[in-house]
Amino acid sequence: MDRKKYVALLFCFYLLCYFLPLGARDLTIPDETRYGEIPREMLESGNWVSPHLNGARYFEKPAFGYWIHAGAIRLLGENNFAVRFPSALAVGLTALSILLLLRFGLPGERGKNIRGEELSAAIFLSSLGVFGIGNMAVLDNLFSFFTTGTAICFFLATESLRGSSKEKVLCAAAGLFCGLAFLTKGFLAFALPAVIFVPYLLWIRRSFDILRMAWFPLLTAAFVALPWAIAIHLREPDYWRFFFWNEHIRRFLSGNSAQHIRPFWFFFLVGPLLALPWSFFAPAAVAGLRTRASAKDGRERLVRFCLCWLLFPFLLFSASSGKLPTYILPCMPPFALLAAVGLSCLAHESLGKSCHRSVYANIAFFSALMLIFSYVQLFGYDGFRPYMHGWKAVMVWDCFVFFTLFCLWANRAEELQKKIVRIALAPVLLFVSINLLVPDLTLEMKMPGAFIEKYSGEIPRDTIVITEEETAGAVCWYLKREDVYILGGAGELGYGLDREGEGRNIGVDEASLLIERHPGKVLLLARSKTLDRWKAELPPSIEDERSGFSGYFALQRY
């Protein structure tokens, strides 16, 4: 396969899998609705400096990620596709970055035919974790792209002549990406490059370059971040205290002060799952990388750099008490690079044997998952079945058959690029049909959009809307409101509501008073179990509607 055909196939795969599914399913709570609502309120209010959610200050992240989402909404409209578009675009740009690194970044690697290492973009895009996160409206995809740009530019700077103009330009580019990463997710943008670059420069015995090469990227990053940093300080003097201590120190600490608390080994379990189906190729890739250990060229230095890029951020994320699977997305580009380089370094005979073992391991693993799925779907588990409609289960089985056939087809290929392309195509049916295969319980619990929109036309603007913190972003997004009352604890919204929420962080007694003072004009919209818990303490409702087959969400009028 020549390069033009490969690039065309990769681009079609990207468009088909990453853009086709974007708008077909409702936004999930709480993250996707949050990253739709905050940019919507920016556009509505014209306040581009201070992020707001439900009309109240929301200081969990800096503003740049919201700006990008707001731009997508302005361009594409207030819809699911627009909210998810920046994430899919960021994944594509990340894949393009690692492809260009191997295409142009190393000497002696240009040519008409594809090098095996260049197929790292296919490995990256076909990883289950990258696809799953890349189809969600979260800031981790943008952050991963910016950290990838920082890493690549700095590595290329180390490959340039010391003190040359090219080195300075690449250091400045690294600083630019670092500054954008900071404006997206905060101080982690500085921690990640530090834990990558310092060990790498020590490894290649260039410790004197640590300080020499660090100041220019830091200066550029500060130049990029400073205008907004000053603007938010002038408008919200408490922002930096809250953002630094609450969103960084508290989340890194152990104990009840951190969010999403997980044990140290959490990412050691989650990481291989996110990298499927390529996790089972890791032993073969490691064997190939060992053959590069004695080489002294740009490819060998790239391997060392990618090892630092993969290992030390992974350990940093593991050391934090707060953990979510999306956090280790920045580790996926170096994994894809190492996997591709390692596989390409194996001798032909060793490559064939290793790929055969890896393919059969994938088939065995997914066969086990299919057996578990089939049992639960056919016989149920404690009354639970993934799908009420049998055709959805049939589609899941079809995806597994499709995956198995493509894996076996890959084993018949003799060339590395054909093997990788066929394995990369194996999950394509799953990727394309993912919107149809969302489990029924997930639709009920995490996607209330259809239920809310069903009644949105019947809710006058003067209606007082009450909800809970978990569903606040969804209620604001689908009803286009910034004045919703939060009942039962404001959680992350508490900081803003306590300062400018006009008493919208309320308890059950206050909700009862609102109902009594505004008869016929109060709407309570939240999870059913929450409303049932409050029901005895609230006045009788005049209407009670439940969502779907399980009634997970409820709407009550008073």
Protein backbone atom coordinates (compact mmCIF):
# COMPACT_ATOMS: atom_id res chain seq x y z
CA MET A 1 0.00 0.00 0.00
CA ASP A 2 1.50 3.34 -1.00
CA ARG A 3 1.32 6.43 1.17
CA LYS A 4 -1.54 8.17 -0.68
CA LYS A 5 -3.84 5.17 -0.35
CA TYR A 6 -2.92 4.77 3.29
CA VAL A 7 -3.58 8.43 4.13
CA ALA A 8 -6.91 8.34 2.25
CA LEU A 9 -7.99 5.19 4.10
CA LEU A 10 -6.93 6.64 7.45
CA PHE A 11 -8.81 9.87 6.77
CA CYS A 12 -11.97 7.98 5.78
CA PHE A 13 -11.68 5.85 8.93
CA TYR A 14 -11.38 9.01 11.00
CA LEU A 15 -14.37 10.74 9.43
CA LEU A 16 -16.53 7.63 9.58
CA CYS A 17 -15.77 6.69 13.18
CA TYR A 18 -15.20 10.05 14.85
CA PHE A 19 -17.61 12.44 13.12
CA LEU A 20 -20.52 10.25 12.02
CA PRO A 21 -21.56 9.28 15.60
CA LEU A 22 -21.20 12.75 17.15
CA GLY A 23 -24.73 14.12 16.98
CA ALA A 24 -26.88 11.02 17.12
CA ARG A 25 -27.10 10.53 20.89
CA ASP A 26 -28.02 12.87 23.71
CA LEU A 27 -25.39 14.54 25.87
CA THR A 28 -24.46 12.66 29.03
CA ILE A 29 -24.56 14.08 32.53
CA PRO A 30 -22.76 15.69 34.15
CA ASP A 31 -19.69 16.32 31.94
CA GLU A 32 -21.04 16.73 28.41
CA THR A 33 -23.96 18.92 29.40
CA ARG A 34 -21.55 21.05 31.46
CA TYR A 35 -19.21 21.59 28.51
CA GLY A 36 -22.20 22.54 26.39
CA GLU A 37 -23.87 24.83 28.91
CA ILE A 38 -20.87 26.90 30.06
CA PRO A 39 -19.96 27.92 26.47
CA ARG A 40 -23.64 28.59 25.73
CA GLU A 41 -23.79 30.95 28.68
CA MET A 42 -20.60 32.64 27.48
CA LEU A 43 -22.26 33.31 24.15
CA GLU A 44 -25.47 34.42 25.86
CA SER A 45 -23.83 36.80 28.33
CA GLY A 46 -20.83 37.99 26.31
CA ASN A 47 -18.61 37.29 29.34
CA TRP A 48 -15.61 35.43 27.88
CA VAL A 49 -13.36 35.89 30.91
CA SER A 50 -15.19 34.28 33.81
CA PRO A 51 -16.85 30.85 33.20
CA HIS A 52 -20.40 30.55 34.54
CA LEU A 53 -22.74 27.58 34.93
CA ASN A 54 -26.38 28.17 35.79
CA GLY A 55 -25.57 31.86 35.98
CA ALA A 56 -23.04 31.35 38.78
CA ARG A 57 -19.25 31.39 38.79
CA TYR A 58 -17.73 28.04 37.86
CA PHE A 59 -13.98 28.00 38.48
CA GLU A 60 -13.15 24.33 37.92
CA LYS A 61 -11.15 25.03 34.72
CA PRO A 62 -9.62 27.98 32.83
CA ALA A 63 -11.48 29.48 29.91
CA PHE A 64 -9.76 28.35 26.68
CA GLY A 65 -11.52 24.98 26.39
CA TYR A 66 -14.86 26.72 26.84
CA TRP A 67 -13.90 29.26 24.16
CA ILE A 68 -13.28 26.47 21.66
CA HIS A 69 -16.61 24.83 22.46
CA ALA A 70 -18.34 28.21 22.25
CA GLY A 71 -16.81 28.74 18.82
CA ALA A 72 -18.12 25.35 17.68
CA ILE A 73 -21.59 26.20 18.98
CA ARG A 74 -21.51 29.61 17.27
CA LEU A 75 -20.46 27.96 14.01
CA LEU A 76 -22.58 24.79 14.09
CA GLY A 77 -25.50 25.70 16.35
CA GLU A 78 -26.64 24.59 19.80
CA ASN A 79 -26.67 20.86 19.18
CA ASN A 80 -24.94 17.65 20.25
CA PHE A 81 -22.66 17.59 17.20
CA ALA A 82 -21.29 21.06 17.93
CA VAL A 83 -20.62 20.27 21.59
CA ARG A 84 -18.63 17.14 20.72
CA PHE A 85 -16.93 18.53 17.61
CA PRO A 86 -13.85 19.98 19.41
CA SER A 87 -13.09 16.61 21.01
CA ALA A 88 -13.20 14.71 17.71
CA LEU A 89 -11.14 17.40 16.01
CA ALA A 90 -8.53 17.30 18.79
CA VAL A 91 -8.17 13.51 18.40
CA GLY A 92 -7.62 13.91 14.67
CA LEU A 93 -5.01 16.63 15.18
CA THR A 94 -3.22 14.46 17.73
CA ALA A 95 -3.09 11.56 15.27
CA LEU A 96 -1.83 13.90 12.56
CA SER A 97 0.87 15.20 14.91
CA ILE A 98 2.38 11.80 15.62
CA LEU A 99 2.12 10.85 11.95
CA LEU A 100 3.99 14.01 10.90
CA LEU A 101 6.60 13.42 13.59
CA LEU A 102 7.57 10.12 12.02
CA ARG A 103 7.12 11.38 8.48
CA PHE A 104 9.25 14.52 8.67
CA GLY A 105 10.77 14.70 12.13
CA LEU A 106 13.55 12.13 11.79
CA PRO A 107 16.33 12.03 9.23
CA GLY A 108 16.50 9.31 6.62
CA GLU A 109 12.85 8.23 6.93
CA ARG A 110 11.26 9.93 3.92
CA GLY A 111 10.17 7.85 1.01
CA LYS A 112 7.32 6.75 -1.17
CA ASN A 113 6.29 3.68 0.81
CA ILE A 114 4.90 3.63 4.32
CA ARG A 115 7.24 2.90 7.17
CA GLY A 116 5.75 0.67 9.85
CA GLU A 117 6.37 3.28 12.51
CA GLU A 118 4.22 5.78 10.65
CA LEU A 119 1.22 3.54 11.24
CA SER A 120 1.18 4.79 14.83
CA ALA A 121 -1.67 7.11 13.79
CA ALA A 122 -3.78 4.07 12.89
CA ILE A 123 -2.94 2.42 16.21
CA PHE A 124 -3.87 5.60 18.07
CA LEU A 125 -7.20 6.18 16.30
CA SER A 126 -8.33 2.54 16.60
CA SER A 127 -7.66 2.24 20.34
CA LEU A 128 -10.94 1.76 22.21
CA GLY A 129 -10.12 4.36 24.85
CA VAL A 130 -9.15 7.03 22.35
CA PHE A 131 -12.36 6.44 20.40
CA GLY A 132 -14.56 6.35 23.50
CA ILE A 133 -13.16 9.58 24.94
CA GLY A 134 -12.85 11.20 21.51
CA ASN A 135 -16.62 10.96 21.02
CA MET A 136 -17.32 12.72 24.32
CA ALA A 137 -17.43 16.44 25.05
CA VAL A 138 -14.65 16.58 27.64
CA LEU A 139 -11.59 18.83 27.83
CA ASP A 140 -9.18 15.89 28.07
CA ASN A 141 -9.03 15.54 24.28
CA LEU A 142 -7.98 19.16 23.79
CA PHE A 143 -5.53 18.91 26.67
CA SER A 144 -4.03 15.74 25.21
CA PHE A 145 -3.54 17.44 21.83
CA PHE A 146 -1.80 20.43 23.39
CA THR A 147 0.48 18.25 25.56
CA THR A 148 1.28 16.15 22.49
CA GLY A 149 2.26 19.30 20.62
CA THR A 150 4.42 20.39 23.57
CA ALA A 151 6.19 17.03 23.71
CA ILE A 152 6.81 16.74 19.96
CA CYS A 153 8.12 20.29 19.58
CA PHE A 154 10.47 19.90 22.53
CA PHE A 155 11.79 16.58 21.25
CA LEU A 156 12.46 18.08 17.83
CA ALA A 157 14.20 20.98 19.57
CA THR A 158 16.57 18.52 21.26
CA GLU A 159 17.28 17.04 17.82
CA SER A 160 18.22 20.46 16.43
CA LEU A 161 21.62 22.13 16.53
CA ARG A 162 22.23 23.63 19.98
CA GLY A 163 21.60 27.35 20.02
CA SER A 164 20.30 27.41 16.43
CA SER A 165 17.32 29.41 15.24
CA LYS A 166 15.47 26.15 14.60
CA GLU A 167 15.93 25.10 18.21
CA LYS A 168 14.59 28.44 19.44
CA VAL A 169 11.57 28.28 17.15
CA LEU A 170 10.73 24.75 18.28
CA CYS A 171 11.15 25.70 21.95
CA ALA A 172 8.80 28.63 21.37
CA ALA A 173 6.29 26.28 19.70
CA ALA A 174 6.53 23.94 22.69
CA GLY A 175 5.82 26.90 24.96
CA LEU A 176 2.84 27.92 22.81
CA PHE A 177 1.26 24.47 23.13
CA CYS A 178 2.09 24.40 26.84
CA GLY A 179 0.38 27.76 27.36
CA LEU A 180 -2.74 26.56 25.55
CA ALA A 181 -2.73 23.37 27.65
CA PHE A 182 -2.56 25.54 30.78
CA LEU A 183 -5.48 27.65 29.58
CA THR A 184 -7.42 24.41 29.03
CA LYS A 185 -6.79 22.46 32.22
CA GLY A 186 -4.45 24.36 34.50
CA PHE A 187 -1.09 23.78 36.16
CA LEU A 188 -0.90 20.13 35.08
CA ALA A 189 0.23 21.58 31.73
CA PHE A 190 3.55 22.50 33.37
CA ALA A 191 3.90 19.35 35.48
CA LEU A 192 3.61 16.92 32.56
CA PRO A 193 6.41 18.42 30.42
CA ALA A 194 8.64 18.61 33.48
CA VAL A 195 8.27 14.90 34.31
CA ILE A 196 8.94 14.05 30.65
CA PHE A 197 11.78 16.37 29.68
CA VAL A 198 13.92 16.25 32.82
CA PRO A 199 14.26 12.42 32.89
CA TYR A 200 14.82 12.34 29.13
CA LEU A 201 17.61 14.93 29.16
CA LEU A 202 19.22 13.15 32.09
CA TRP A 203 18.97 9.83 30.23
CA ILE A 204 20.73 11.16 27.13
CA ARG A 205 23.33 12.88 29.34
CA ARG A 206 22.37 16.44 28.54
CA SER A 207 21.58 17.64 32.04
CA PHE A 208 23.10 21.03 31.29
CA ASP A 209 20.31 21.57 28.75
CA ILE A 210 17.58 21.32 31.39
CA LEU A 211 17.86 24.95 32.42
CA ARG A 212 19.20 26.19 29.07
CA MET A 213 16.22 24.87 27.12
CA ALA A 214 13.53 25.37 29.75
CA TRP A 215 13.39 29.14 30.09
CA PHE A 216 12.27 29.94 26.52
CA PRO A 217 9.24 27.55 26.50
CA LEU A 218 8.26 28.78 29.96
CA LEU A 219 8.52 32.39 28.85
CA THR A 220 6.42 31.69 25.76
CA ALA A 221 3.80 29.78 27.80
CA ALA A 222 3.60 32.66 30.26
CA PHE A 223 3.19 35.12 27.39
CA VAL A 224 0.30 33.03 26.01
CA ALA A 225 -1.46 32.58 29.36
CA LEU A 226 -0.82 36.00 30.92
CA PRO A 227 -3.54 38.10 29.23
CA TRP A 228 -6.38 35.88 30.41
CA ALA A 229 -4.67 35.23 33.77
CA ILE A 230 -4.58 38.97 34.45
CA ALA A 231 -8.11 39.51 33.14
CA ILE A 232 -9.61 36.82 35.39
CA HIS A 233 -7.71 38.17 38.38
CA LEU A 234 -9.02 41.67 37.80
CA ARG A 235 -12.59 40.46 37.37
CA GLU A 236 -12.52 37.62 39.94
CA PRO A 237 -9.78 38.23 42.55
CA ASP A 238 -10.56 34.92 44.29
CA TYR A 239 -10.16 32.79 41.16
CA TRP A 240 -6.53 31.79 41.51
CA ARG A 241 -6.85 30.90 45.21
CA PHE A 242 -9.82 28.65 44.54
CA PHE A 243 -8.45 27.17 41.32
CA PHE A 244 -5.01 26.35 42.67
CA TRP A 245 -5.98 24.95 46.06
CA ASN A 246 -9.30 23.32 45.20
CA GLU A 247 -8.62 21.98 41.72
CA HIS A 248 -4.97 21.00 42.10
CA ILE A 249 -3.80 20.54 45.69
CA ARG A 250 -7.10 19.11 46.98
CA ARG A 251 -7.51 16.74 44.03
CA PHE A 252 -3.99 15.44 44.43
CA LEU A 253 -4.27 14.88 48.17
CA SER A 254 -5.41 11.63 49.72
CA GLY A 255 -8.45 11.18 51.90
CA ASN A 256 -11.90 12.62 51.56
CA SER A 257 -10.60 15.96 50.25
CA ALA A 258 -9.97 14.53 46.76
CA GLN A 259 -12.58 13.81 44.11
CA HIS A 260 -12.98 10.47 42.27
CA ILE A 261 -10.77 8.68 44.81
CA ARG A 262 -9.17 5.54 43.39
CA PRO A 263 -6.30 3.29 44.54
CA PHE A 264 -2.77 3.68 43.14
CA TRP A 265 -3.17 0.65 40.85
CA PHE A 266 -6.35 1.98 39.18
CA PHE A 267 -4.63 3.09 35.96
CA PHE A 268 -2.63 -0.14 35.77
CA LEU A 269 -5.99 -1.85 35.30
CA VAL A 270 -7.70 0.81 33.18
CA GLY A 271 -4.74 1.65 30.91
CA PRO A 272 -4.58 -1.72 29.10
CA LEU A 273 -8.36 -1.62 28.59
CA LEU A 274 -8.15 1.82 26.97
CA ALA A 275 -5.37 0.59 24.66
CA LEU A 276 -7.32 -2.42 23.33
CA PRO A 277 -6.93 -4.11 20.89
CA TRP A 278 -3.27 -3.09 20.92
CA SER A 279 -2.57 -3.99 24.56
CA PHE A 280 -1.96 -7.59 23.54
CA PHE A 281 0.68 -6.43 21.04
CA ALA A 282 2.75 -4.85 23.82
CA PRO A 283 5.02 -7.92 24.38
CA ALA A 284 5.83 -8.05 20.64
CA ALA A 285 6.47 -4.30 20.58
CA VAL A 286 8.79 -4.56 23.58
CA ALA A 287 10.74 -7.32 21.86
CA GLY A 288 11.10 -5.09 18.81
CA LEU A 289 12.17 -2.09 20.87
CA ARG A 290 14.99 -4.11 22.39
CA THR A 291 16.50 -4.46 18.93
CA ARG A 292 16.76 -0.66 18.80
CA ALA A 293 18.52 -0.41 22.15
CA SER A 294 22.02 -0.61 20.67
CA ALA A 295 21.34 1.89 17.87
CA LYS A 296 22.59 5.43 18.24
CA ASP A 297 20.36 7.45 15.95
CA GLY A 298 17.28 9.64 15.99
CA ARG A 299 14.95 6.65 16.10
CA GLU A 300 16.62 5.29 19.24
CA ARG A 301 16.38 8.71 20.93
CA LEU A 302 12.71 8.90 19.96
CA VAL A 303 12.13 5.56 21.67
CA ARG A 304 13.79 6.84 24.83
CA PHE A 305 11.76 10.02 24.70
CA CYS A 306 8.48 8.14 24.22
CA LEU A 307 9.31 5.86 27.14
CA CYS A 308 9.73 8.93 29.36
CA TRP A 309 6.57 10.42 27.82
CA LEU A 310 4.57 7.28 28.62
CA LEU A 311 6.00 6.17 31.95
CA PHE A 312 6.45 9.30 34.07
CA PRO A 313 3.07 10.97 33.35
CA PHE A 314 1.43 7.59 33.98
CA LEU A 315 3.12 7.41 37.39
CA LEU A 316 2.20 11.03 38.11
CA PHE A 317 -1.46 10.34 37.36
CA SER A 318 -1.30 7.16 39.47
CA ALA A 319 0.14 9.08 42.43
CA SER A 320 -2.87 11.39 42.46
CA SER A 321 -5.76 10.29 44.65
CA GLY A 322 -8.39 11.58 42.23
CA LYS A 323 -8.57 9.42 39.10
CA LEU A 324 -10.79 9.08 36.06
CA PRO A 325 -10.06 6.99 32.94
CA THR A 326 -9.95 10.16 30.83
CA TYR A 327 -6.98 11.50 32.80
CA ILE A 328 -4.42 9.19 31.16
CA LEU A 329 -5.40 10.08 27.59
CA PRO A 330 -2.09 12.04 27.19
CA CYS A 331 -0.29 8.68 27.58
CA MET A 332 -1.91 7.22 24.47
CA PRO A 333 0.17 9.04 21.78
CA PRO A 334 3.51 7.73 23.13
CA PHE A 335 1.98 4.27 23.50
CA ALA A 336 0.95 4.31 19.83
CA LEU A 337 4.41 5.51 18.77
CA LEU A 338 6.19 2.85 20.82
CA ALA A 339 3.86 0.09 19.61
CA ALA A 340 4.40 1.00 15.96
CA VAL A 341 8.17 1.43 16.28
CA GLY A 342 8.52 -1.82 18.22
CA LEU A 343 6.47 -3.90 15.80
CA SER A 344 8.33 -2.49 12.82
CA CYS A 345 11.68 -3.50 14.32
CA LEU A 346 10.82 -7.19 14.56
CA ALA A 347 12.24 -9.54 11.98
CA HIS A 348 9.68 -10.89 9.51
CA GLU A 349 9.43 -14.34 11.09
CA SER A 350 9.24 -12.99 14.64
CA LEU A 351 6.66 -10.41 13.58
CA GLY A 352 4.40 -13.10 12.14
CA LYS A 353 4.54 -15.28 15.25
CA SER A 354 4.06 -12.37 17.64
CA CYS A 355 1.13 -10.93 15.69
CA HIS A 356 -0.53 -14.35 15.56
CA ARG A 357 -0.29 -14.70 19.35
CA SER A 358 -1.54 -11.15 19.90
CA VAL A 359 -4.48 -11.60 17.54
CA TYR A 360 -5.55 -14.85 19.19
CA ALA A 361 -5.23 -13.21 22.61
CA ASN A 362 -7.59 -10.46 21.43
CA ILE A 363 -10.07 -12.99 20.09
CA ALA A 364 -9.94 -14.97 23.34
CA PHE A 365 -10.43 -11.87 25.47
CA PHE A 366 -13.37 -10.54 23.48
CA SER A 367 -14.86 -14.03 23.25
CA ALA A 368 -14.90 -14.17 27.03
CA LEU A 369 -16.61 -10.79 27.13
CA MET A 370 -19.16 -11.98 24.59
CA LEU A 371 -19.94 -15.09 26.63
CA ILE A 372 -20.56 -12.93 29.70
CA PHE A 373 -22.66 -10.50 27.67
CA SER A 374 -24.68 -13.31 26.09
CA TYR A 375 -25.44 -14.90 29.46
CA VAL A 376 -26.55 -11.59 31.02
CA GLN A 377 -28.62 -10.65 27.96
CA LEU A 378 -30.36 -14.03 27.65
CA PHE A 379 -30.82 -14.96 31.30
CA GLY A 380 -30.36 -11.68 33.14
CA TYR A 381 -28.29 -10.94 36.22
CA ASP A 382 -30.23 -9.91 39.30
CA GLY A 383 -33.02 -8.76 37.01
CA PHE A 384 -30.69 -6.74 34.77
CA ARG A 385 -30.38 -7.08 30.99
CA PRO A 386 -28.32 -4.68 28.82
CA TYR A 387 -31.03 -4.34 26.15
CA MET A 388 -34.79 -4.64 26.07
CA HIS A 389 -34.74 -4.98 22.27
CA GLY A 390 -33.15 -8.13 20.90
CA TRP A 391 -31.89 -6.48 17.69
CA LYS A 392 -29.40 -4.45 19.74
CA ALA A 393 -27.93 -7.63 21.20
CA VAL A 394 -27.70 -9.08 17.69
CA MET A 395 -25.76 -6.00 16.60
CA VAL A 396 -23.30 -6.49 19.46
CA TRP A 397 -22.73 -10.07 18.31
CA ASP A 398 -22.31 -8.83 14.73
CA CYS A 399 -19.63 -6.40 15.90
CA PHE A 400 -17.79 -9.24 17.60
CA VAL A 401 -17.96 -11.43 14.48
CA PHE A 402 -16.76 -8.52 12.34
CA PHE A 403 -13.86 -7.92 14.76
CA THR A 404 -12.88 -11.61 14.74
CA LEU A 405 -12.95 -11.92 10.96
CA PHE A 406 -10.75 -8.85 10.47
CA CYS A 407 -8.27 -10.11 13.07
CA LEU A 408 -8.00 -13.44 11.31
CA TRP A 409 -7.66 -11.62 7.99
CA ALA A 410 -4.80 -9.60 9.49
CA ASN A 411 -2.98 -12.82 10.35
CA ARG A 412 -2.95 -13.75 6.68
CA ALA A 413 -1.12 -10.55 5.68
CA GLU A 414 2.64 -10.72 5.33
CA GLU A 415 3.41 -6.99 5.38
CA LEU A 416 3.39 -5.03 8.63
CA GLN A 417 1.28 -2.15 7.35
CA LYS A 418 -1.42 -4.51 6.06
CA LYS A 419 -1.56 -6.29 9.40
CA ILE A 420 -1.91 -3.06 11.33
CA VAL A 421 -4.47 -1.59 8.92
CA ARG A 422 -6.66 -4.70 9.12
CA ILE A 423 -6.48 -4.86 12.91
CA ALA A 424 -7.24 -1.13 13.07
CA LEU A 425 -10.32 -1.74 10.92
CA ALA A 426 -11.53 -4.61 13.12
CA PRO A 427 -13.54 -2.43 15.56
CA VAL A 428 -14.93 -0.12 12.85
CA LEU A 429 -18.44 -1.66 12.91
CA LEU A 430 -18.58 -1.11 16.66
CA PHE A 431 -17.35 2.48 16.27
CA VAL A 432 -19.88 3.34 13.57
CA SER A 433 -22.87 1.76 15.34
CA ILE A 434 -21.95 2.84 18.88
CA ASN A 435 -24.91 5.23 19.14
CA LEU A 436 -27.31 2.34 18.61
CA LEU A 437 -25.59 0.16 21.19
CA VAL A 438 -25.71 2.36 24.27
CA PRO A 439 -27.15 0.11 27.03
CA ASP A 440 -30.71 0.92 28.05
CA LEU A 441 -29.73 1.68 31.64
CA THR A 442 -27.07 4.15 30.47
CA LEU A 443 -29.67 5.91 28.32
CA GLU A 444 -31.92 6.15 31.35
CA MET A 445 -29.30 7.21 33.89
CA LYS A 446 -26.94 9.43 31.90
CA MET A 447 -28.91 10.89 28.96
CA PRO A 448 -32.04 12.76 30.10
CA GLY A 449 -32.17 15.02 27.04
CA ALA A 450 -35.14 13.40 25.31
CA PHE A 451 -37.16 13.41 28.54
CA ILE A 452 -36.43 17.08 29.28
CA GLU A 453 -37.02 18.25 25.71
CA LYS A 454 -40.37 16.44 25.67
CA TYR A 455 -41.68 19.01 28.18
CA SER A 456 -39.50 22.01 27.34
CA GLY A 457 -42.16 23.59 25.14
CA GLU A 458 -44.68 23.41 27.98
CA ILE A 459 -42.53 25.27 30.51
CA PRO A 460 -43.15 29.06 30.49
CA ARG A 461 -40.21 31.35 31.18
CA ASP A 462 -41.69 32.49 34.50
CA THR A 463 -41.79 28.91 35.82
CA ILE A 464 -39.47 28.30 38.79
CA VAL A 465 -37.34 25.26 37.94
CA ILE A 466 -35.75 23.20 40.73
CA THR A 467 -33.26 20.40 40.15
CA GLU A 468 -30.29 18.69 41.79
CA GLU A 469 -26.57 19.22 41.22
CA GLU A 470 -26.10 16.06 39.14
CA THR A 471 -28.65 17.13 36.53
CA ALA A 472 -28.20 20.92 36.68
CA GLY A 473 -26.11 21.17 33.50
CA ALA A 474 -28.64 19.13 31.52
CA VAL A 475 -31.62 21.15 32.77
CA CYS A 476 -29.89 24.43 31.95
CA TRP A 477 -28.74 23.22 28.51
CA TYR A 478 -32.03 21.75 27.31
CA LEU A 479 -34.29 24.43 28.82
CA LYS A 480 -31.87 27.29 27.98
CA ARG A 481 -32.07 28.60 31.55
CA GLU A 482 -29.48 30.18 33.84
CA ASP A 483 -31.71 30.63 36.89
CA VAL A 484 -32.35 27.08 38.09
CA TYR A 485 -32.59 26.34 41.82
CA ILE A 486 -30.41 23.55 43.20
CA LEU A 487 -31.94 21.35 45.89
CA GLY A 488 -30.16 18.91 48.18
CA GLY A 489 -26.57 20.22 47.99
CA ALA A 490 -24.90 22.20 45.22
CA GLY A 491 -21.63 20.22 45.07
CA GLU A 492 -19.27 21.82 42.54
CA LEU A 493 -21.84 24.55 41.94
CA GLY A 494 -21.79 25.57 45.59
CA TYR A 495 -18.87 27.99 45.27
CA GLY A 496 -20.60 30.10 42.64
CA LEU A 497 -24.15 29.84 43.96
CA ASP A 498 -23.10 30.89 47.46
CA ARG A 499 -21.60 34.08 46.02
CA GLU A 500 -24.00 35.19 43.32
CA GLY A 501 -26.78 32.63 43.13
CA GLU A 502 -29.42 34.84 44.75
CA GLY A 503 -30.35 32.09 47.21
CA ARG A 504 -30.67 29.36 44.56
CA ASN A 505 -28.80 26.79 46.66
CA ILE A 506 -31.78 25.62 48.71
CA GLY A 507 -32.95 22.94 51.12
CA VAL A 508 -36.26 21.08 51.25
CA ASP A 509 -37.85 23.66 53.57
CA GLU A 510 -36.96 26.49 51.19
CA ALA A 511 -38.31 24.48 48.24
CA SER A 512 -41.59 24.01 50.12
CA LEU A 513 -41.85 27.77 50.67
CA LEU A 514 -41.27 28.43 46.97
CA ILE A 515 -44.05 25.97 46.08
CA GLU A 516 -46.45 27.57 48.55
CA ARG A 517 -45.67 31.13 47.38
CA HIS A 518 -45.88 30.31 43.66
CA PRO A 519 -48.69 27.77 43.21
CA GLY A 520 -48.84 26.30 39.72
CA LYS A 521 -45.51 27.82 38.72
CA VAL A 522 -42.93 25.45 40.24
CA LEU A 523 -41.35 22.52 38.39
CA LEU A 524 -39.15 19.94 40.09
CA LEU A 525 -36.96 17.94 37.68
CA ALA A 526 -34.43 15.44 39.04
CA ARG A 527 -33.68 11.76 39.49
CA SER A 528 -36.66 9.73 40.68
CA LYS A 529 -34.93 8.31 43.73
CA THR A 530 -34.04 11.83 44.83
CA LEU A 531 -37.57 13.13 44.37
CA ASP A 532 -39.03 10.15 46.19
CA ARG A 533 -36.73 10.90 49.11
CA TRP A 534 -38.02 14.50 49.24
CA LYS A 535 -41.65 13.67 48.51
CA ALA A 536 -42.79 13.33 52.11
CA GLU A 537 -41.40 16.78 52.99
CA LEU A 538 -42.82 18.64 49.99
CA PRO A 539 -46.42 19.67 49.22
CA PRO A 540 -48.42 17.29 47.00
CA SER A 541 -47.62 17.60 43.29
CA ILE A 542 -50.29 18.09 40.63
CA GLU A 543 -48.34 16.12 38.00
CA ASP A 544 -45.74 13.36 38.23
CA GLU A 545 -44.06 12.08 35.05
CA ARG A 546 -41.33 9.43 34.89
CA SER A 547 -38.84 8.68 32.13
CA GLY A 548 -38.42 5.47 30.17
CA PHE A 549 -38.78 1.91 31.31
CA SER A 550 -37.15 2.38 34.71
CA GLY A 551 -38.46 5.87 35.48
CA TYR A 552 -34.96 7.04 36.39
CA PHE A 553 -35.82 10.74 35.92
CA ALA A 554 -38.96 12.42 37.13
CA LEU A 555 -40.78 15.69 36.54
CA GLN A 556 -43.20 17.03 39.11
CA ARG A 557 -45.36 20.13 38.82
CA TYR A 558 -46.66 22.02 41.84
